[in-house]
Protein backbone atom coordinates (compact mmCIF):
# COMPACT_ATOMS: atom_id res chain seq x y z
CA MET A 1 180.67 4.54 168.37
CA THR A 2 179.33 5.04 171.99
CA LEU A 3 179.20 8.11 174.18
CA ARG A 4 181.79 6.41 176.34
CA ASP A 5 184.18 5.82 173.67
CA ASN A 6 183.85 9.56 172.67
CA ASN A 7 184.62 10.62 176.32
CA ILE A 8 187.71 8.39 176.49
CA GLU A 9 189.01 9.95 173.14
CA LYS A 10 188.52 13.41 174.44
CA LYS A 11 190.11 12.68 177.65
CA VAL A 12 193.25 11.07 176.16
CA LYS A 13 193.57 13.90 173.54
CA ILE A 14 193.36 16.51 176.35
CA THR A 15 196.06 14.65 178.24
CA ILE A 16 198.34 14.48 175.21
CA TYR A 17 197.85 18.25 174.56
CA ILE A 18 198.25 19.15 178.31
CA LEU A 19 201.68 17.15 178.42
CA THR A 20 202.73 18.78 175.13
CA PHE A 21 201.97 22.34 176.61
CA VAL A 22 203.98 21.51 179.89
CA PHE A 23 206.91 20.12 177.69
CA VAL A 24 206.86 23.31 175.62
CA LEU A 25 207.00 25.45 178.77
CA VAL A 26 209.83 23.43 180.30
CA ILE A 27 211.93 23.85 177.09
CA GLY A 28 211.15 27.41 176.84
CA PRO A 29 211.31 29.72 173.84
CA LYS A 30 214.27 29.55 171.53
CA TYR A 31 215.66 32.53 169.73
CA TYR A 32 217.58 32.79 166.40
CA PRO A 33 218.75 35.76 164.43
CA ASP A 34 215.55 35.86 162.44
CA SER A 35 213.61 35.99 165.79
CA TYR A 36 215.15 39.43 166.49
CA ALA A 37 214.55 40.58 162.96
CA HIS A 38 210.86 39.79 163.45
CA MET A 39 210.75 41.67 166.65
CA ASP A 40 212.36 44.69 165.07
CA MET A 41 209.99 44.30 162.03
CA LEU A 42 212.67 44.47 159.55
CA ILE A 43 211.77 44.71 155.89
CA ASN A 44 212.93 41.19 154.88
CA ARG A 45 210.83 39.29 157.27
CA SER A 46 207.17 37.84 157.37
CA VAL A 47 204.69 40.74 157.76
CA LEU A 48 202.18 38.60 159.59
CA TYR A 49 204.53 36.98 162.18
CA SER A 50 206.32 40.28 162.64
CA LEU A 51 202.78 41.62 163.82
CA ILE A 52 202.16 38.53 165.96
CA VAL A 53 205.50 38.46 167.77
CA ASN A 54 204.91 41.98 168.75
CA ILE A 55 201.61 41.25 170.49
CA PRO A 56 203.18 40.62 173.86
CA LYS A 57 205.05 43.98 173.76
CA ILE A 58 201.72 45.73 173.10
CA ILE A 59 199.99 43.96 175.95
CA ILE A 60 202.68 43.67 178.75
CA GLY A 61 205.34 45.89 177.39
CA ASP A 62 208.06 43.40 176.31
CA HIS A 63 208.63 40.49 173.95
CA ASN A 64 207.74 37.73 176.32
CA GLY A 65 208.94 34.46 174.79
CA TYR A 66 206.57 32.36 177.06
CA VAL A 67 203.56 34.26 175.98
CA MET A 68 204.60 33.61 172.43
CA ILE A 69 205.13 29.81 172.84
CA ALA A 70 201.81 29.59 174.60
CA ILE A 71 200.12 31.28 171.70
CA HIS A 72 202.05 28.83 169.34
CA HIS A 73 200.84 25.91 171.31
CA ILE A 74 197.09 27.06 171.23
CA VAL A 75 197.21 27.78 167.47
CA PHE A 76 198.97 24.29 166.83
CA VAL A 77 196.33 22.40 168.86
CA LEU A 78 193.35 24.11 167.27
CA SER A 79 194.88 23.60 163.64
CA VAL A 80 195.79 19.91 164.28
CA GLU A 81 192.24 19.30 165.77
CA TYR A 82 190.64 21.00 162.77
CA PHE A 83 192.69 19.10 160.05
CA LEU A 84 192.34 15.59 161.82
CA VAL A 85 188.51 15.94 162.22
CA LYS A 86 188.32 16.88 158.42
CA CYS A 87 190.63 13.95 157.57
CA LYS A 88 188.46 11.51 159.77
CA LYS A 89 185.32 12.56 157.93
CA PHE A 90 187.05 12.03 154.66
CA LEU A 91 189.18 8.91 155.28
CA CYS A 92 186.76 7.23 157.79
CA PHE A 93 189.41 6.00 160.26
CA SER A 94 188.88 4.91 163.92
CA ASN A 95 189.10 6.77 167.23
CA PHE A 96 192.22 4.96 168.06
CA SER A 97 193.79 6.08 164.86
CA HIS A 98 192.70 9.58 165.46
CA LEU A 99 194.59 9.41 168.80
CA LEU A 100 197.69 7.95 167.06
CA LEU A 101 197.58 10.71 164.55
CA VAL A 102 197.32 13.40 167.42
CA PHE A 103 200.31 11.83 169.05
CA VAL A 104 202.20 11.70 165.70
CA PHE A 105 201.74 15.39 165.15
CA CYS A 106 202.73 16.39 168.63
CA PHE A 107 205.71 14.08 168.65
CA PHE A 108 207.08 15.83 165.37
CA ALA A 109 206.35 19.13 166.79
CA LEU A 110 208.37 18.41 169.93
CA PHE A 111 211.22 16.19 168.93
CA VAL A 112 211.67 15.97 165.10
CA TYR A 113 211.46 19.70 164.50
CA PRO A 114 210.40 21.53 167.69
CA PHE A 115 209.09 24.61 166.06
CA ILE A 116 206.56 25.33 168.83
CA ASN A 117 209.44 26.65 170.81
CA PHE A 118 211.04 28.67 168.09
CA ILE A 119 210.28 32.33 167.73
CA LEU A 120 210.22 32.01 164.12
CA SER A 121 207.48 32.37 161.37
CA GLU A 122 207.05 28.59 160.72
CA THR A 123 205.30 28.35 164.18
CA ILE A 124 202.35 30.04 162.35
CA ALA A 125 203.04 28.83 158.91
CA PHE A 126 202.53 25.16 159.93
CA PRO A 127 199.10 25.64 161.44
CA LEU A 128 197.88 27.96 158.54
CA LEU A 129 199.16 25.20 156.08
CA ILE A 130 197.12 22.30 157.65
CA VAL A 131 194.02 24.54 157.95
CA CYS A 132 194.30 25.25 154.41
CA LEU A 133 194.64 21.55 153.71
CA GLY A 134 191.56 20.79 155.84
CA LEU A 135 189.52 23.38 154.00
CA LEU A 136 190.58 21.85 150.71
CA ILE A 137 189.24 18.56 151.86
CA GLU A 138 185.92 20.09 152.76
CA LEU A 139 185.84 21.66 149.42
CA TRP A 140 186.51 18.26 147.75
CA ARG A 141 183.58 16.71 149.74
CA LYS A 142 181.08 19.67 149.04
CA LYS A 143 181.60 22.97 147.49
CA ALA A 144 180.25 25.70 149.67
CA ASN A 145 180.98 29.49 149.47
CA LYS A 146 181.68 29.63 153.27
CA GLN A 147 184.51 27.17 153.02
CA LEU A 148 185.69 28.80 149.86
CA ALA A 149 185.90 32.27 151.58
CA PHE A 150 187.64 30.72 154.58
CA PHE A 151 190.06 28.99 152.30
CA ALA A 152 190.86 32.41 150.64
CA LEU A 153 191.36 34.07 154.02
CA PHE A 154 193.59 31.34 155.41
CA PHE A 155 195.64 31.15 152.16
CA PHE A 156 196.17 34.85 152.18
CA LEU A 157 197.48 34.76 155.78
CA LEU A 158 199.74 31.88 154.89
CA ILE A 159 201.26 33.78 151.79
CA LEU A 160 201.91 36.64 154.05
CA THR A 161 203.85 34.28 156.46
CA ARG A 162 205.51 32.13 153.87
CA SER A 163 205.39 32.98 150.15
CA GLN A 164 206.67 29.48 149.17
CA PHE A 165 203.06 28.07 149.88
CA VAL A 166 201.82 29.62 146.72
CA VAL A 167 202.18 25.93 145.68
CA ILE A 168 198.97 25.32 147.28
CA LEU A 169 197.36 26.86 144.27
CA LEU A 170 198.39 23.65 142.47
CA PRO A 171 195.98 21.17 144.17
CA PHE A 172 193.39 24.02 144.40
CA PHE A 173 193.54 24.24 140.48
CA ILE A 174 193.25 20.47 140.23
CA LEU A 175 190.23 20.51 142.48
CA PHE A 176 188.62 23.41 140.35
CA VAL A 177 189.20 21.61 137.16
CA ILE A 178 187.73 18.33 138.51
CA LYS A 179 184.72 20.24 140.18
CA ILE A 180 184.34 22.92 137.57
CA LYS A 181 180.55 22.51 137.10
CA SER A 182 179.94 23.32 140.80
CA PHE A 183 182.20 26.42 140.71
CA ILE A 184 181.18 28.19 137.66
CA ASN A 185 177.34 28.34 138.18
CA ASP A 186 177.47 30.90 141.06
CA LYS A 187 178.48 34.43 140.67
CA LEU A 188 179.69 34.65 144.30
CA THR A 189 181.86 31.54 144.08
CA LEU A 190 183.51 33.10 140.87
CA LEU A 191 184.18 36.23 142.65
CA ILE A 192 185.81 34.35 145.60
CA LEU A 193 187.86 32.31 142.99
CA LEU A 194 189.00 35.58 141.44
CA VAL A 195 190.17 36.64 144.91
CA ILE A 196 191.96 33.41 145.62
CA ILE A 197 193.87 33.56 142.31
CA SER A 198 194.83 37.10 143.07
CA ILE A 199 196.19 36.44 146.44
CA PRO A 200 199.80 36.26 145.53
CA PHE A 201 199.43 39.82 144.18
CA LEU A 202 197.13 40.96 146.99
CA SER A 203 199.91 39.83 149.55
CA LYS A 204 202.53 42.02 147.90
CA VAL A 205 200.21 44.96 147.92
CA THR A 206 199.59 44.17 151.61
CA GLU A 207 203.28 43.98 152.26
CA ASN A 208 204.07 47.42 150.56
CA SER A 209 201.27 49.09 152.48
CA TYR A 210 202.56 47.72 155.73
CA TYR A 211 206.17 48.89 155.18
CA ASN A 212 204.84 52.23 153.87
CA LEU A 213 202.78 52.58 157.04
CA VAL A 214 205.25 51.17 159.74
CA LEU A 215 208.58 52.10 158.23
CA LYS A 216 207.55 55.04 156.03
CA GLU A 217 209.23 53.35 153.13
CA ASP A 218 207.59 52.21 150.05
CA ILE A 219 209.49 49.06 149.72
CA SER A 220 208.69 45.23 150.11
CA TYR A 221 211.78 43.15 150.16
CA THR A 222 211.94 39.28 150.91
CA MET A 223 215.45 38.61 149.56
CA THR A 224 213.80 36.46 146.75
CA TYR A 225 216.46 36.91 144.00
CA VAL A 226 219.26 37.21 146.60
CA HIS A 227 218.25 33.51 147.46
CA LEU A 228 217.59 32.50 143.81
CA ILE A 229 220.94 33.81 142.48
CA SER A 230 223.08 32.20 145.09
CA ALA A 231 223.36 28.90 143.27
CA PRO A 232 224.18 30.67 139.85
CA PHE A 233 226.83 32.87 141.66
CA TYR A 234 228.35 29.63 143.24
CA VAL A 235 228.68 27.83 139.84
CA ALA A 236 229.63 30.88 137.83
CA SER A 237 233.32 31.77 136.81
CA ILE A 238 234.86 35.30 136.84
CA GLU A 239 234.74 35.33 133.02
CA ASP A 240 230.94 35.49 133.16
CA GLN A 241 231.32 39.34 133.85
CA SER A 242 231.10 39.50 130.07
CA LEU A 243 227.38 38.73 130.37
CA PHE A 244 226.73 42.23 131.93
CA SER A 245 227.04 45.21 129.79
CA ASN A 246 225.64 47.56 132.41
CA LYS A 247 228.54 49.10 134.40
CA GLU A 248 226.93 48.61 137.71
CA GLU A 249 225.73 45.12 137.19
CA ARG A 250 229.22 44.16 135.94
CA SER A 251 230.82 45.81 139.15
CA PHE A 252 228.44 43.96 141.38
CA PHE A 253 229.22 40.79 139.66
CA ILE A 254 233.12 41.20 139.92
CA ARG A 255 232.99 42.39 143.50
CA THR A 256 230.69 39.46 144.64
CA LYS A 257 232.52 36.81 142.67
CA GLN A 258 235.97 37.94 143.82
CA PHE A 259 234.93 37.77 147.30
CA LEU A 260 233.54 34.19 146.93
CA ASP A 261 236.62 33.02 145.32
CA SER A 262 238.76 34.59 147.95
CA GLN A 263 236.90 32.53 150.49
CA ASN A 264 236.84 29.26 148.37
CA LEU A 265 233.16 29.47 148.04
CA SER A 266 232.70 28.12 144.57
CA TYR A 267 231.67 25.11 142.50
CA ASN A 268 235.22 24.85 140.95
CA TYR A 269 236.95 24.80 144.33
CA SER A 270 234.60 21.88 145.47
CA LYS A 271 235.59 20.06 142.32
CA ALA A 272 239.15 20.61 142.69
CA LYS A 273 239.22 19.40 146.30
CA ASN A 274 236.99 16.39 145.19
CA LEU A 275 234.18 17.52 147.41
CA ASP A 276 230.51 16.85 146.48
CA GLU A 277 229.41 20.05 144.77
CA PHE A 278 226.10 20.22 146.48
CA ASP A 279 227.16 19.33 150.06
CA TYR A 280 229.71 21.91 149.85
CA TYR A 281 227.18 24.57 148.66
CA GLN A 282 224.63 23.67 151.28
CA ASN A 283 227.31 23.70 154.09
CA ASN A 284 228.28 27.21 152.90
CA PHE A 285 225.06 28.62 151.84
CA THR A 286 224.71 31.20 154.51
CA LYS A 287 228.21 32.53 153.68
CA ILE A 288 227.42 32.61 149.95
CA CYS A 289 224.03 34.05 150.22
CA ASN A 290 223.63 36.14 153.35
CA THR A 291 227.37 37.06 154.10
CA THR A 292 228.46 37.74 150.64
CA ILE A 293 225.80 38.42 148.01
CA HIS A 294 223.66 40.31 150.64
CA GLU A 295 225.58 41.79 153.46
CA ALA A 296 228.88 42.45 151.81
CA ASN A 297 227.08 44.43 149.04
CA MET A 298 225.12 46.20 151.57
CA SER A 299 228.21 47.29 153.35
CA TYR A 300 229.69 48.40 150.00
CA TYR A 301 226.65 50.68 149.45
CA GLU A 302 226.75 51.88 152.92
CA ASN A 303 230.21 52.96 152.50
CA LYS A 304 229.18 54.82 149.54
CA GLY A 305 226.73 56.77 151.57
CA VAL A 306 223.52 54.99 150.46
CA SER A 307 220.82 54.93 152.99
CA PHE A 308 219.81 51.55 154.74
CA TYR A 309 216.64 51.04 152.71
CA ASN A 310 218.20 52.18 149.54
CA GLN A 311 220.97 49.57 150.17
CA HIS A 312 218.20 46.96 150.09
CA ARG A 313 216.70 48.43 146.96
CA LYS A 314 220.03 48.25 145.19
CA VAL A 315 220.84 44.64 146.07
CA ASP A 316 217.30 43.55 145.20
CA MET A 317 217.22 45.42 141.93
CA LEU A 318 220.74 44.13 140.70
CA THR A 319 220.13 40.54 141.78
CA THR A 320 216.81 40.43 140.04
CA LYS A 321 218.25 41.87 136.83
CA MET A 322 221.28 39.67 136.97
CA PHE A 323 219.59 36.35 137.77
CA PHE A 324 218.31 35.14 134.38
CA PRO A 325 221.56 35.82 132.49
CA LEU A 326 223.79 34.14 134.97
CA LEU A 327 221.36 31.14 135.16
CA LYS A 328 221.14 30.75 131.44
CA LYS A 329 225.02 30.74 131.07
CA ASN A 330 225.61 28.20 133.91
CA PHE A 331 222.29 26.14 133.66
CA LYS A 332 223.89 22.83 133.47
CA LYS A 333 225.95 23.12 136.73
CA TRP A 334 222.87 24.99 138.26
CA LEU A 335 220.61 21.94 137.43
CA VAL A 336 223.05 19.56 139.22
CA ILE A 337 222.83 21.56 142.29
CA VAL A 338 218.96 21.84 142.15
CA TYR A 339 218.59 18.03 141.51
CA LYS A 340 221.00 17.02 144.35
CA GLY A 341 219.09 19.56 146.61
CA PHE A 342 215.83 18.00 145.72
CA LYS A 343 217.06 14.49 146.11
CA LYS A 344 218.51 15.26 149.51
CA GLY A 345 215.31 16.95 150.66
CA LEU A 346 213.44 13.71 149.95
CA GLY A 347 215.84 11.69 151.88
CA ARG A 348 218.12 10.68 149.11
CA SER A 349 217.53 7.13 147.50
CA HIS A 350 215.60 5.52 150.42
CA GLY A 351 213.24 8.58 150.82
CA ILE A 352 212.49 8.53 147.19
CA LEU A 353 211.72 4.77 147.01
CA LEU A 354 209.40 5.16 149.99
CA LEU A 355 207.45 7.95 148.35
CA GLY A 356 207.46 6.06 145.26
CA LEU A 357 205.98 3.11 147.02
CA ILE A 358 203.20 5.43 148.52
CA PHE A 359 202.53 6.71 144.95
CA MET A 360 202.06 3.20 143.63
CA LEU A 361 199.74 2.20 146.45
CA SER A 362 197.69 5.37 146.01
CA ILE A 363 197.11 4.59 142.36
CA LEU A 364 196.20 1.09 143.35
CA PHE A 365 193.58 2.32 145.81
CA LEU A 366 191.52 3.63 142.85
CA ARG A 367 190.90 0.05 141.85
CA TYR A 368 189.66 -1.13 145.38
CA ASP A 369 187.14 1.34 146.09
CA LEU A 370 189.50 3.47 148.13
CA LYS A 371 189.11 6.57 146.02
CA SER A 372 189.25 9.04 149.06
CA LEU A 373 192.67 7.45 150.32
CA SER A 374 194.07 7.74 146.73
CA ILE A 375 192.94 11.45 146.39
CA PHE A 376 194.17 12.44 149.82
CA PHE A 377 197.71 11.00 149.70
CA LEU A 378 198.16 11.66 145.99
CA GLY A 379 197.27 15.36 146.63
CA ILE A 380 199.63 15.56 149.63
CA LEU A 381 202.43 13.93 147.66
CA ILE A 382 202.21 16.31 144.79
CA LEU A 383 202.11 19.25 147.23
CA LYS A 384 205.19 17.78 149.20
CA LEU A 385 207.13 17.23 145.87
CA THR A 386 206.36 20.71 144.55
CA LEU A 387 207.48 22.34 147.76
CA HIS A 388 210.70 20.41 147.80
CA LEU A 389 211.47 21.33 144.21
CA LEU A 390 210.66 24.99 144.99
CA ILE A 391 213.05 24.95 148.00
CA ALA A 392 215.77 23.15 146.03
CA ILE A 393 215.61 25.98 143.31
CA SER A 394 215.42 28.97 145.70
CA VAL A 395 217.44 28.27 148.83
CA HIS A 396 218.96 25.01 150.14
CA SER A 397 217.26 21.77 151.35
CA ILE A 398 217.51 22.13 155.05
CA HIS A 399 214.87 20.87 157.64
CA ARG A 400 213.67 24.13 158.55
CA TYR A 401 212.20 24.76 155.09
CA LEU A 402 210.88 21.14 154.57
CA PHE A 403 209.62 19.86 157.81
CA TYR A 404 206.02 20.81 156.95
CA PHE A 405 205.07 17.26 155.75
CA ASP A 406 206.99 15.23 158.17
CA TRP A 407 203.68 13.77 159.32
CA PHE A 408 202.96 12.51 155.80
CA ILE A 409 204.65 8.99 155.80
CA PRO A 410 203.63 8.29 159.56
CA MET A 411 199.98 9.22 158.67
CA PHE A 412 200.03 6.95 155.57
CA LEU A 413 201.19 4.04 157.65
CA VAL A 414 198.61 4.73 160.45
CA ILE A 415 195.63 4.97 157.95
CA ILE A 416 196.77 1.87 155.96
CA GLY A 417 197.09 0.00 159.33
CA ASP A 418 193.48 1.22 160.16
CA LYS A 419 192.11 -0.01 156.98
CA VAL A 420 193.79 -3.38 157.19
CA ILE A 421 192.31 -3.95 160.79
CA SER A 422 188.94 -2.87 159.59
CA LEU A 423 189.19 -5.34 156.67
CA LYS A 424 190.08 -8.18 159.02
CA LYS A 425 187.12 -7.47 161.17
CA THR A 426 184.70 -7.67 158.25
CA ILE A 427 186.11 -11.01 157.05
């Protein structure tokens, strides 16, 4: 590679990023109900992004959306550059393929799911995710305490932003098992490993400390079980009240289920009308989860004179206790909802076939001295499938929760094309 080639690559990349930035500014910031919840630092939103989104207010006195999307763009560019540089070292692709991948990431961030413009937590979660992936690549190539410590830091920030990315512990655990000898012979390494394993717990402690300091309330509330119990409530019948001997739990169930039934928000209604049970659930998820299970019960406790934060505590406590009995009773119906959600998230049959092909090719690479390709694509595939399954279980399979690996298939095609071209040149 000549110096001239490097200069051309840099100029093209800078041009792409500048055009991306101009496009982001032209579109402008986009606000959603969650955006205002972050600005108001409500207790059921990401701690890290709630702090970041208030930076403009601290500096210039108001929540300037253009300052935020400028920050989003800078963080996006830095993270993409870091990730692709690590990928280039590991997968050994050309400068041209590098530029193609820069274009792929920018295209997806602008047109497929334009998150850079959104005043939402995913604008920070995506960069943190690919930085973590870049650090995992570095750790695979060579274990170093510096990279391990950086991984611990960025993983912690990622979990504070989006707790679903606890799934990154899976490829990290696989890495640890394969490279166990290089990990267990150093006390500092073992200490950092202990910190990494403890991060899900440490993030909860941090959230509690944050809410205690900012809101003067000893509460951390992310609506986890409100989301989880939505599908069990959807498939349940009113007779399931017999599952709950506790008077308050039974009242909560009857009140919620009667409201859902009155709005025709149930599995039985979808079957009676010959509607697909999953599609009907997904189309009405917000009404089932947010409007009914959460807000209607919050209003009920408000009318009883319960304070705002104690309303959250009540709903959180009761949905947590009621989840497993309701799930156990309606497990088969619930499993249908999860399976169909998982399948839809992957792109239904054609998406599953395409991912299956990538899986088979990645296995085949092991036989042709392309071990790095196999490790990379199998690792990302496992992570993608795990995330999709977690989303199918906990919420519903909409693009907002699943866009994080949109780049996976295009990147696979670019890298395979690069390898085929390189092979032809050597023949």
